[in-house]
Amino acid sequence: MSQKTWGGRFSGGTDSRVEQFTESISFDRRLYRHDIIGSQAHARMLAEVGLLTPAEADQIVSALDEIGAQIDAGKMEFSVSLEDIHTHIERALIAKLGDTGRKLHTARSRNDQVVTDLKLWTRDAIDELDGLLTELQRAFVHSAEREWGVIIPGYTHLQRAQPVLASHYFLAYVEKFQRDRERLADCRTRVNVLPLGAAALAGTSLPIDRDSVRAKLGFESVARNSLDVSSDRDFALEFVFVLSLVATHLSGWAEEWVIWSTTEFNFLDLPDAFCTGSSIMPHKKNPDVLELTRGKSGRVIGALQQLFVLVKGLPLAYNRDLQEDKTAIFDAFDTVAGCLAVAAPLVQQTKLRREVIASRLDAGFLDATTLMEALIARGVPMRSAHEAVGNLVRECEQRKCRLADLPDAQFDATAPGHGAEVKASLGVSNAIDAFTSYGSTARTEVEKQLAGWKARLGM
């Protein structure tokens, strides 16, 4: 028999250049475990409906376990002549069982087989990423606990804006990565739909039980339209879109910490184990892990674009173009998983330079907005209060002093009868104490959020 799964219709062999061009075994071999699991469930179902005997199904399941162990041990020889992992496993099965092995592919096509394997892999990948994201969230919560009470400048436009608790800052990233986890969980609901049983595109005339396979493989439901199944890669695009958002969040965090670790900011003490030096400048301590995290986001976003371009013009149903989906999906996952694996310990081990931060908190008029709101609370219209504080800031810039250093008379003139009260609102600590709104950087609010996250993350 031909080594090809489709060889019967052809009179001659395949050109070796075509075999090299069309192979996917170089990258889809990582699906082998999922291909075996799917095939075992398929074999059990075939026995249930009478297309295999129970003994044949047992033989197939056992032989597939042996093949999996062989691949685990690195003892399977891969060849481009067998195209893909599915053919390698089937040929190994036939070599072991003969005609019994040839029965496994009954009532399925490589079209529905491939997408089933990919969904099984994606489901596992989502679960792995959720674990990695959880560890990163815990690292940020740990930092929020460790740095409790520290006040840092908050920024907009990378200009000093208002003071915030460092714990509030760390918890902001916990929120971002929680949204990523929720998006992954939502994506998983569409991944968790069984394609197997759609066959090539139209279904099968054989008496299969798709719901039996669904239950065996842990899918939530069965795909309704066979024509849609083999061409559907929506789940893959959605998965890589979520990965792109994770990578974007990681990139923004990395950029911030690259800036904060400079001599000019000097906010962070990065651990030596996550930095490198210079081959020529002996004093350098470079934040390479952060820089690579920032840079690798481009690969993930590029993978999403690659997938969009791949599917944008494909007619129903399966087209060989879809073989090219896996390199993008695998690389996006590997890149994000790699970034997350180093991000959590880096966050865990990085400490704020508290004294440096505290020594500069008086710079940048971080309490100006608090002063404005103190005026508003005493009946001054918002726009009038905004202008008045702006004038005071301009006065401070000319005098090179803080708002609190201005003469009392200027506050009395700005808020007649309340000058001393509004002046008493100045200072970053007072500004923190003034916050009251839900979700703000008020100490009581941050305490609640911190306690809530610790409970939610099992800390």
Protein backbone atom coordinates (compact mmCIF):
# COMPACT_ATOMS: atom_id res chain seq x y z
CA MET A 1 0.00 0.00 0.00
CA SER A 2 1.05 3.58 -0.55
CA GLN A 3 2.64 5.39 2.37
CA LYS A 4 0.22 8.22 1.62
CA THR A 5 -3.24 8.19 3.15
CA TRP A 6 -4.55 9.18 -0.27
CA GLY A 7 -2.27 7.15 -2.56
CA GLY A 8 -4.80 4.90 -4.30
CA ARG A 9 -5.98 7.46 -6.82
CA PHE A 10 -2.46 8.35 -8.00
CA SER A 11 -0.36 6.38 -10.47
CA GLY A 12 3.02 7.79 -9.54
CA GLY A 13 5.00 8.97 -6.52
CA THR A 14 5.17 12.49 -5.17
CA ASP A 15 8.05 14.70 -6.23
CA SER A 16 10.48 14.99 -3.32
CA ARG A 17 10.40 18.77 -3.66
CA VAL A 18 6.63 18.70 -3.19
CA GLU A 19 7.02 16.52 -0.11
CA GLN A 20 9.41 19.06 1.37
CA PHE A 21 7.11 21.91 0.44
CA THR A 22 3.90 20.41 1.78
CA GLU A 23 5.09 18.68 4.96
CA SER A 24 3.90 19.85 8.36
CA ILE A 25 5.51 17.19 10.54
CA SER A 26 8.28 19.63 11.43
CA PHE A 27 5.82 21.65 13.49
CA ASP A 28 2.59 19.67 13.98
CA ARG A 29 4.36 16.79 15.76
CA ARG A 30 3.63 18.61 19.01
CA LEU A 31 -0.01 17.60 18.53
CA TYR A 32 0.82 13.91 18.90
CA ARG A 33 -0.61 13.50 22.39
CA HIS A 34 -3.87 15.16 21.39
CA ASP A 35 -4.06 13.14 18.17
CA ILE A 36 -3.73 9.93 20.19
CA ILE A 37 -6.36 10.96 22.73
CA GLY A 38 -8.80 11.91 19.95
CA SER A 39 -8.13 8.68 18.09
CA GLN A 40 -8.70 6.58 21.18
CA ALA A 41 -12.05 8.23 21.82
CA HIS A 42 -12.95 7.73 18.15
CA ALA A 43 -12.02 4.03 18.33
CA ARG A 44 -14.13 3.48 21.44
CA MET A 45 -17.09 5.11 19.74
CA LEU A 46 -16.66 2.97 16.61
CA ALA A 47 -16.87 -0.10 18.82
CA GLU A 48 -19.99 1.22 20.52
CA VAL A 49 -21.81 1.57 17.17
CA GLY A 50 -20.55 -1.75 15.78
CA LEU A 51 -18.01 -0.46 13.28
CA LEU A 52 -15.22 -2.06 15.32
CA THR A 53 -15.38 -5.00 17.69
CA PRO A 54 -14.62 -4.28 21.35
CA ALA A 55 -11.44 -6.35 20.99
CA GLU A 56 -10.31 -4.30 18.00
CA ALA A 57 -10.95 -1.06 19.89
CA ASP A 58 -8.93 -2.37 22.84
CA GLN A 59 -6.06 -3.27 20.51
CA ILE A 60 -6.11 0.15 18.90
CA VAL A 61 -6.24 2.01 22.21
CA SER A 62 -3.39 -0.07 23.62
CA ALA A 63 -1.25 0.29 20.48
CA LEU A 64 -1.80 4.07 20.47
CA ASP A 65 -0.56 4.21 24.05
CA GLU A 66 2.57 2.37 22.94
CA ILE A 67 3.06 4.79 20.05
CA GLY A 68 2.68 7.72 22.41
CA ALA A 69 5.30 6.26 24.73
CA GLN A 70 7.59 5.75 21.74
CA ILE A 71 7.23 9.41 20.76
CA ASP A 72 7.71 10.49 24.39
CA ALA A 73 11.00 8.59 24.42
CA GLY A 74 12.13 10.19 21.16
CA LYS A 75 12.17 6.87 19.36
CA MET A 76 9.84 7.66 16.47
CA GLU A 77 11.57 8.53 13.22
CA PHE A 78 9.79 11.40 11.49
CA SER A 79 9.78 11.65 7.71
CA VAL A 80 8.51 14.34 5.35
CA SER A 81 7.17 11.57 3.11
CA LEU A 82 4.46 10.96 5.73
CA GLU A 83 3.49 14.64 5.73
CA ASP A 84 2.06 15.14 9.21
CA ILE A 85 1.74 13.74 12.71
CA HIS A 86 -1.63 12.15 11.93
CA THR A 87 -0.18 10.02 9.15
CA HIS A 88 2.86 9.08 11.23
CA ILE A 89 0.67 7.77 14.02
CA GLU A 90 -1.69 5.94 11.67
CA ARG A 91 1.19 4.28 9.81
CA ALA A 92 2.77 3.21 13.10
CA LEU A 93 -0.59 1.79 14.14
CA ILE A 94 -0.95 -0.16 10.90
CA ALA A 95 2.58 -1.49 11.32
CA LYS A 96 1.55 -2.86 14.69
CA LEU A 97 -1.98 -4.09 13.95
CA GLY A 98 -2.29 -4.53 10.19
CA ASP A 99 -5.91 -4.38 8.96
CA THR A 100 -7.21 -3.54 12.43
CA GLY A 101 -5.10 -0.40 12.35
CA ARG A 102 -6.46 0.44 8.92
CA LYS A 103 -9.99 0.61 10.40
CA LEU A 104 -9.29 3.50 12.76
CA HIS A 105 -9.89 6.21 10.20
CA THR A 106 -13.43 4.96 9.54
CA ALA A 107 -15.99 7.81 9.50
CA ARG A 108 -13.48 10.62 9.88
CA SER A 109 -11.31 12.78 7.66
CA ARG A 110 -8.03 14.47 8.36
CA ASN A 111 -10.07 17.66 8.04
CA ASP A 112 -12.12 17.10 11.19
CA GLN A 113 -9.27 15.20 12.82
CA VAL A 114 -6.85 18.13 12.50
CA VAL A 115 -9.22 20.71 13.90
CA THR A 116 -10.14 18.38 16.76
CA ASP A 117 -6.48 17.94 17.65
CA LEU A 118 -5.92 21.67 17.47
CA LYS A 119 -8.90 22.38 19.70
CA LEU A 120 -7.71 19.83 22.25
CA TRP A 121 -4.26 21.47 22.19
CA THR A 122 -5.72 24.99 22.44
CA ARG A 123 -7.89 23.99 25.37
CA ASP A 124 -4.81 22.73 27.24
CA ALA A 125 -2.88 25.85 26.25
CA ILE A 126 -5.63 28.08 27.66
CA ASP A 127 -5.56 26.17 30.95
CA GLU A 128 -1.78 26.48 31.13
CA LEU A 129 -1.89 30.21 30.44
CA ASP A 130 -4.57 30.70 33.07
CA GLY A 131 -2.20 29.15 35.61
CA LEU A 132 0.67 31.37 34.52
CA LEU A 133 -1.50 34.49 34.64
CA THR A 134 -2.70 33.53 38.11
CA GLU A 135 0.90 33.28 39.31
CA LEU A 136 1.64 36.72 37.86
CA GLN A 137 -1.40 38.16 39.61
CA ARG A 138 -0.23 36.65 42.89
CA ALA A 139 3.19 38.22 42.38
CA PHE A 140 1.62 41.66 41.97
CA VAL A 141 -0.59 41.10 45.03
CA HIS A 142 2.51 40.07 46.99
CA SER A 143 4.18 43.32 45.91
CA ALA A 144 1.08 45.28 46.92
CA GLU A 145 1.31 43.75 50.41
CA ARG A 146 5.05 44.23 50.73
CA GLU A 147 4.93 47.89 49.65
CA TRP A 148 1.84 48.76 51.71
CA GLY A 149 1.74 52.43 52.74
CA VAL A 150 4.27 53.58 50.13
CA ILE A 151 3.06 56.55 48.11
CA ILE A 152 4.26 56.97 44.54
CA PRO A 153 3.51 59.54 41.85
CA GLY A 154 0.82 58.57 39.38
CA TYR A 155 1.30 59.69 35.79
CA THR A 156 -0.69 60.74 32.77
CA HIS A 157 1.20 61.60 29.58
CA LEU A 158 4.25 60.44 31.60
CA GLN A 159 3.89 63.68 33.57
CA ARG A 160 3.28 63.71 37.30
CA ALA A 161 -0.44 63.80 37.97
CA GLN A 162 -1.66 62.71 41.44
CA PRO A 163 -0.26 60.61 44.28
CA VAL A 164 -1.35 56.98 44.53
CA LEU A 165 -0.57 54.15 46.88
CA ALA A 166 2.00 51.79 45.43
CA SER A 167 -0.38 48.97 46.37
CA HIS A 168 -3.06 50.58 44.19
CA TYR A 169 -0.57 50.65 41.32
CA PHE A 170 0.30 46.97 41.66
CA LEU A 171 -3.36 45.98 41.86
CA ALA A 172 -4.03 47.82 38.59
CA TYR A 173 -2.01 45.11 36.83
CA VAL A 174 -3.91 42.41 38.69
CA GLU A 175 -7.07 43.85 37.11
CA LYS A 176 -5.56 43.85 33.63
CA PHE A 177 -4.47 40.24 33.83
CA GLN A 178 -7.81 39.24 35.32
CA ARG A 179 -9.51 40.56 32.18
CA ASP A 180 -7.08 38.47 30.16
CA ARG A 181 -8.04 35.39 32.16
CA GLU A 182 -11.72 36.12 31.63
CA ARG A 183 -11.19 36.52 27.90
CA LEU A 184 -9.35 33.20 27.81
CA ALA A 185 -12.19 31.54 29.70
CA ASP A 186 -14.71 32.99 27.26
CA CYS A 187 -12.61 31.86 24.31
CA ARG A 188 -12.48 28.39 25.83
CA THR A 189 -16.27 28.05 25.49
CA ARG A 190 -15.95 28.26 21.70
CA VAL A 191 -12.89 26.04 21.65
CA ASN A 192 -14.81 23.42 23.61
CA VAL A 193 -17.11 22.41 20.74
CA LEU A 194 -16.37 19.00 19.19
CA PRO A 195 -15.61 19.04 15.43
CA LEU A 196 -14.99 15.29 15.03
CA GLY A 197 -17.67 13.52 13.05
CA ALA A 198 -18.04 16.19 10.40
CA ALA A 199 -15.67 14.09 8.27
CA ALA A 200 -14.37 15.86 5.16
CA LEU A 201 -17.16 18.43 4.91
CA ALA A 202 -20.57 16.76 4.57
CA GLY A 203 -20.69 14.27 7.45
CA THR A 204 -20.82 10.49 7.02
CA SER A 205 -23.36 7.85 6.10
CA LEU A 206 -21.96 5.53 8.79
CA PRO A 207 -23.83 5.22 12.13
CA ILE A 208 -21.48 7.21 14.38
CA ASP A 209 -22.28 8.67 17.81
CA ARG A 210 -20.72 12.12 18.01
CA ASP A 211 -22.08 12.79 21.48
CA SER A 212 -20.22 9.76 22.78
CA VAL A 213 -16.95 11.20 21.51
CA ARG A 214 -17.87 14.58 22.95
CA ALA A 215 -18.28 13.08 26.41
CA LYS A 216 -15.07 11.07 26.19
CA LEU A 217 -13.01 14.12 25.22
CA GLY A 218 -14.69 16.50 27.64
CA PHE A 219 -16.21 18.85 25.06
CA GLU A 220 -19.26 20.83 26.10
CA SER A 221 -21.16 20.50 22.83
CA VAL A 222 -20.99 19.16 19.27
CA ALA A 223 -20.49 21.36 16.18
CA ARG A 224 -23.81 21.65 14.35
CA ASN A 225 -22.75 22.23 10.75
CA SER A 226 -20.33 19.84 9.07
CA LEU A 227 -19.56 22.29 6.26
CA ASP A 228 -18.48 24.91 8.77
CA VAL A 229 -16.30 22.60 10.86
CA SER A 230 -13.26 21.96 8.71
CA SER A 231 -12.89 25.59 7.64
CA ASP A 232 -13.50 27.11 11.07
CA ARG A 233 -10.47 28.73 12.63
CA ASP A 234 -12.37 31.45 14.47
CA PHE A 235 -11.34 29.89 17.77
CA ALA A 236 -7.68 30.07 16.76
CA LEU A 237 -7.90 33.74 15.80
CA GLU A 238 -9.76 34.51 19.00
CA PHE A 239 -7.14 32.67 21.04
CA VAL A 240 -4.27 34.54 19.42
CA PHE A 241 -6.18 37.82 19.79
CA VAL A 242 -6.34 37.21 23.54
CA LEU A 243 -2.65 36.31 23.50
CA SER A 244 -2.00 39.61 21.72
CA LEU A 245 -3.77 41.49 24.51
CA VAL A 246 -1.79 39.60 27.14
CA ALA A 247 1.41 40.45 25.26
CA THR A 248 0.32 44.09 25.02
CA HIS A 249 -0.30 44.28 28.77
CA LEU A 250 3.08 42.67 29.42
CA SER A 251 4.73 45.09 27.00
CA GLY A 252 3.20 48.15 28.70
CA TRP A 253 4.29 46.90 32.12
CA ALA A 254 7.80 46.16 30.81
CA GLU A 255 8.09 49.60 29.23
CA GLU A 256 7.08 51.24 32.49
CA TRP A 257 9.61 49.29 34.51
CA VAL A 258 12.36 49.91 31.96
CA ILE A 259 11.74 53.63 32.48
CA TRP A 260 11.42 53.30 36.24
CA SER A 261 14.74 51.43 36.46
CA THR A 262 16.71 54.25 34.78
CA THR A 263 18.98 56.51 36.82
CA GLU A 264 16.64 59.39 35.98
CA PHE A 265 13.68 57.67 37.71
CA ASN A 266 15.51 55.20 39.97
CA PHE A 267 12.21 53.89 41.37
CA LEU A 268 13.05 50.18 41.15
CA ASP A 269 15.71 47.81 42.40
CA LEU A 270 15.63 45.11 39.73
CA PRO A 271 17.10 41.74 40.76
CA ASP A 272 20.50 40.99 39.26
CA ALA A 273 19.28 37.54 38.18
CA PHE A 274 16.89 39.16 35.70
CA CYS A 275 19.34 41.67 34.22
CA THR A 276 22.49 41.48 32.11
CA GLY A 277 25.63 43.56 31.73
CA SER A 278 27.58 45.17 28.95
CA SER A 279 30.50 43.63 27.08
CA ILE A 280 32.34 46.96 27.13
CA MET A 281 30.84 49.14 29.90
CA PRO A 282 31.53 47.48 33.27
CA HIS A 283 29.00 49.58 35.21
CA LYS A 284 25.92 48.63 33.20
CA LYS A 285 22.93 46.71 34.54
CA ASN A 286 20.54 46.30 31.66
CA PRO A 287 16.85 45.31 32.01
CA ASP A 288 17.05 42.78 29.17
CA VAL A 289 14.19 40.59 30.37
CA LEU A 290 11.87 43.58 30.37
CA GLU A 291 13.12 44.77 27.00
CA LEU A 292 12.65 41.35 25.42
CA THR A 293 9.19 41.08 26.93
CA ARG A 294 8.38 44.40 25.31
CA GLY A 295 9.90 43.30 22.01
CA LYS A 296 8.32 39.85 21.86
CA SER A 297 4.85 41.40 21.86
CA GLY A 298 5.49 42.21 18.20
CA ARG A 299 5.76 38.50 17.37
CA VAL A 300 2.44 37.75 18.99
CA ILE A 301 0.61 40.63 17.33
CA GLY A 302 2.26 39.60 14.05
CA ALA A 303 0.91 36.07 14.48
CA LEU A 304 -2.61 37.46 14.76
CA GLN A 305 -2.17 39.44 11.55
CA GLN A 306 -0.76 36.32 9.87
CA LEU A 307 -3.88 34.34 10.79
CA PHE A 308 -6.24 37.07 9.60
CA VAL A 309 -4.50 37.23 6.24
CA LEU A 310 -4.48 33.43 6.05
CA VAL A 311 -8.25 33.04 6.36
CA LYS A 312 -9.54 36.24 4.80
CA GLY A 313 -10.18 34.82 1.35
CA LEU A 314 -10.83 31.12 1.88
CA PRO A 315 -13.98 29.53 0.47
CA LEU A 316 -15.78 26.70 2.27
CA ALA A 317 -14.72 24.16 3.34
CA TYR A 318 -11.17 22.92 4.01
CA ASN A 319 -8.25 24.41 2.07
CA ARG A 320 -4.61 23.43 2.47
CA ASP A 321 -3.80 27.02 3.38
CA LEU A 322 -5.06 26.17 6.86
CA GLN A 323 -2.00 24.02 7.46
CA GLU A 324 -0.18 27.30 7.98
CA ASP A 325 -2.27 28.22 11.02
CA LYS A 326 -0.24 26.15 13.45
CA THR A 327 3.09 27.94 13.20
CA ALA A 328 1.40 31.21 14.16
CA ILE A 329 -0.64 29.70 16.99
CA PHE A 330 2.25 27.73 18.44
CA ASP A 331 4.69 30.63 18.27
CA ALA A 332 2.21 33.07 19.84
CA PHE A 333 1.54 30.66 22.69
CA ASP A 334 5.21 29.83 23.25
CA THR A 335 6.14 33.50 23.27
CA VAL A 336 3.47 34.56 25.76
CA ALA A 337 4.01 31.54 28.00
CA GLY A 338 7.74 32.26 28.03
CA CYS A 339 7.18 35.90 28.96
CA LEU A 340 4.76 34.99 31.75
CA ALA A 341 7.15 32.40 33.15
CA VAL A 342 9.82 35.06 33.82
CA ALA A 343 7.43 37.92 34.62
CA ALA A 344 6.07 36.46 37.87
CA PRO A 345 9.43 35.91 39.62
CA LEU A 346 10.70 39.25 38.33
CA VAL A 347 7.73 41.07 39.87
CA GLN A 348 8.07 39.02 43.06
CA GLN A 349 11.73 39.96 43.52
CA THR A 350 11.67 43.62 42.42
CA LYS A 351 11.49 46.18 45.21
CA LEU A 352 10.71 49.88 45.21
CA ARG A 353 13.44 52.31 46.17
CA ARG A 354 11.32 53.87 48.88
CA GLU A 355 13.72 56.57 50.01
CA VAL A 356 14.35 57.79 46.48
CA ILE A 357 10.63 57.95 45.73
CA ALA A 358 9.81 59.70 49.00
CA SER A 359 12.53 62.30 48.47
CA ARG A 360 10.87 63.45 45.24
CA LEU A 361 7.18 63.34 46.14
CA ASP A 362 7.06 67.09 46.71
CA ALA A 363 8.02 67.70 43.07
CA GLY A 364 5.41 68.05 40.36
CA PHE A 365 2.47 69.46 42.37
CA LEU A 366 0.90 66.05 42.98
CA ASP A 367 -1.48 67.68 45.50
CA ALA A 368 -2.82 70.36 43.13
CA THR A 369 -5.98 68.44 42.22
CA THR A 370 -6.68 67.77 45.89
CA LEU A 371 -6.45 71.50 46.56
CA MET A 372 -8.87 72.17 43.70
CA GLU A 373 -11.37 69.66 45.10
CA ALA A 374 -11.01 71.20 48.57
CA LEU A 375 -12.08 74.51 47.05
CA ILE A 376 -14.99 72.86 45.24
CA ALA A 377 -16.13 71.26 48.50
CA ARG A 378 -16.32 74.76 49.98
CA GLY A 379 -18.56 76.17 47.26
CA VAL A 380 -16.11 77.37 44.62
CA PRO A 381 -17.31 76.44 41.09
CA MET A 382 -15.13 73.75 39.52
CA ARG A 383 -13.83 75.85 36.65
CA SER A 384 -13.09 78.77 38.99
CA ALA A 385 -11.27 76.44 41.38
CA HIS A 386 -9.31 74.94 38.49
CA GLU A 387 -8.18 78.38 37.33
CA ALA A 388 -7.34 79.52 40.86
CA VAL A 389 -5.11 76.53 41.56
CA GLY A 390 -3.50 76.91 38.15
CA ASN A 391 -2.59 80.46 39.11
CA LEU A 392 -1.12 79.24 42.39
CA VAL A 393 0.94 76.61 40.57
CA ARG A 394 2.30 79.26 38.22
CA GLU A 395 3.22 81.36 41.27
CA CYS A 396 5.05 78.37 42.78
CA GLU A 397 6.98 77.78 39.57
CA GLN A 398 8.17 81.37 39.65
CA ARG A 399 9.12 81.12 43.33
CA LYS A 400 10.48 77.56 42.92
CA CYS A 401 8.50 76.33 45.88
CA ARG A 402 5.69 73.93 46.83
CA LEU A 403 2.04 74.90 47.06
CA ALA A 404 2.25 74.48 50.82
CA ASP A 405 5.07 77.07 50.95
CA LEU A 406 2.89 79.90 49.59
CA PRO A 407 1.83 82.57 52.09
CA ASP A 408 -1.41 81.99 53.99
CA ALA A 409 -2.79 85.21 52.54
CA GLN A 410 -2.92 83.71 49.07
CA PHE A 411 -5.10 80.85 50.29
CA ASP A 412 -7.32 83.28 52.20
CA ALA A 413 -7.78 85.27 49.02
CA THR A 414 -8.56 82.16 47.02
CA ALA A 415 -11.04 80.74 49.56
CA PRO A 416 -12.23 83.58 51.83
CA GLY A 417 -12.96 82.21 55.27
CA HIS A 418 -11.50 78.80 54.44
CA GLY A 419 -7.85 79.57 53.68
CA ALA A 420 -6.40 77.54 56.52
CA GLU A 421 -8.67 74.58 55.80
CA VAL A 422 -7.81 74.31 52.13
CA LYS A 423 -4.10 74.78 52.82
CA ALA A 424 -4.28 71.93 55.31
CA SER A 425 -5.33 69.61 52.46
CA LEU A 426 -1.91 69.93 50.83
CA GLY A 427 0.80 67.28 50.88
CA VAL A 428 0.75 63.83 49.27
CA SER A 429 -0.28 62.02 52.44
CA ASN A 430 -3.21 64.38 52.95
CA ALA A 431 -4.09 63.95 49.30
CA ILE A 432 -4.25 60.18 49.75
CA ASP A 433 -6.41 60.64 52.86
CA ALA A 434 -8.80 62.87 50.94
CA PHE A 435 -9.86 60.18 48.44
CA THR A 436 -13.19 58.53 49.19
CA SER A 437 -14.64 57.12 45.94
CA TYR A 438 -15.06 53.41 45.29
CA GLY A 439 -12.09 52.02 43.38
CA SER A 440 -9.89 54.98 44.27
CA THR A 441 -6.46 54.99 45.87
CA ALA A 442 -7.93 55.69 49.30
CA ARG A 443 -6.30 53.50 51.93
CA THR A 444 -9.57 51.87 52.98
CA GLU A 445 -10.49 51.16 49.37
CA VAL A 446 -7.14 49.63 48.54
CA GLU A 447 -7.26 47.53 51.72
CA LYS A 448 -10.59 46.10 50.59
CA GLN A 449 -9.32 45.40 47.09
CA LEU A 450 -6.16 43.78 48.40
CA ALA A 451 -8.10 41.54 50.77
CA GLY A 452 -10.51 40.65 47.98
CA TRP A 453 -7.75 39.66 45.60
CA LYS A 454 -5.95 37.58 48.20
CA ALA A 455 -9.13 35.62 48.82
CA ARG A 456 -9.88 35.30 45.11
CA LEU A 457 -6.38 34.06 44.30
CA GLY A 458 -6.18 31.70 47.25
CA MET A 459 -3.36 33.55 49.01
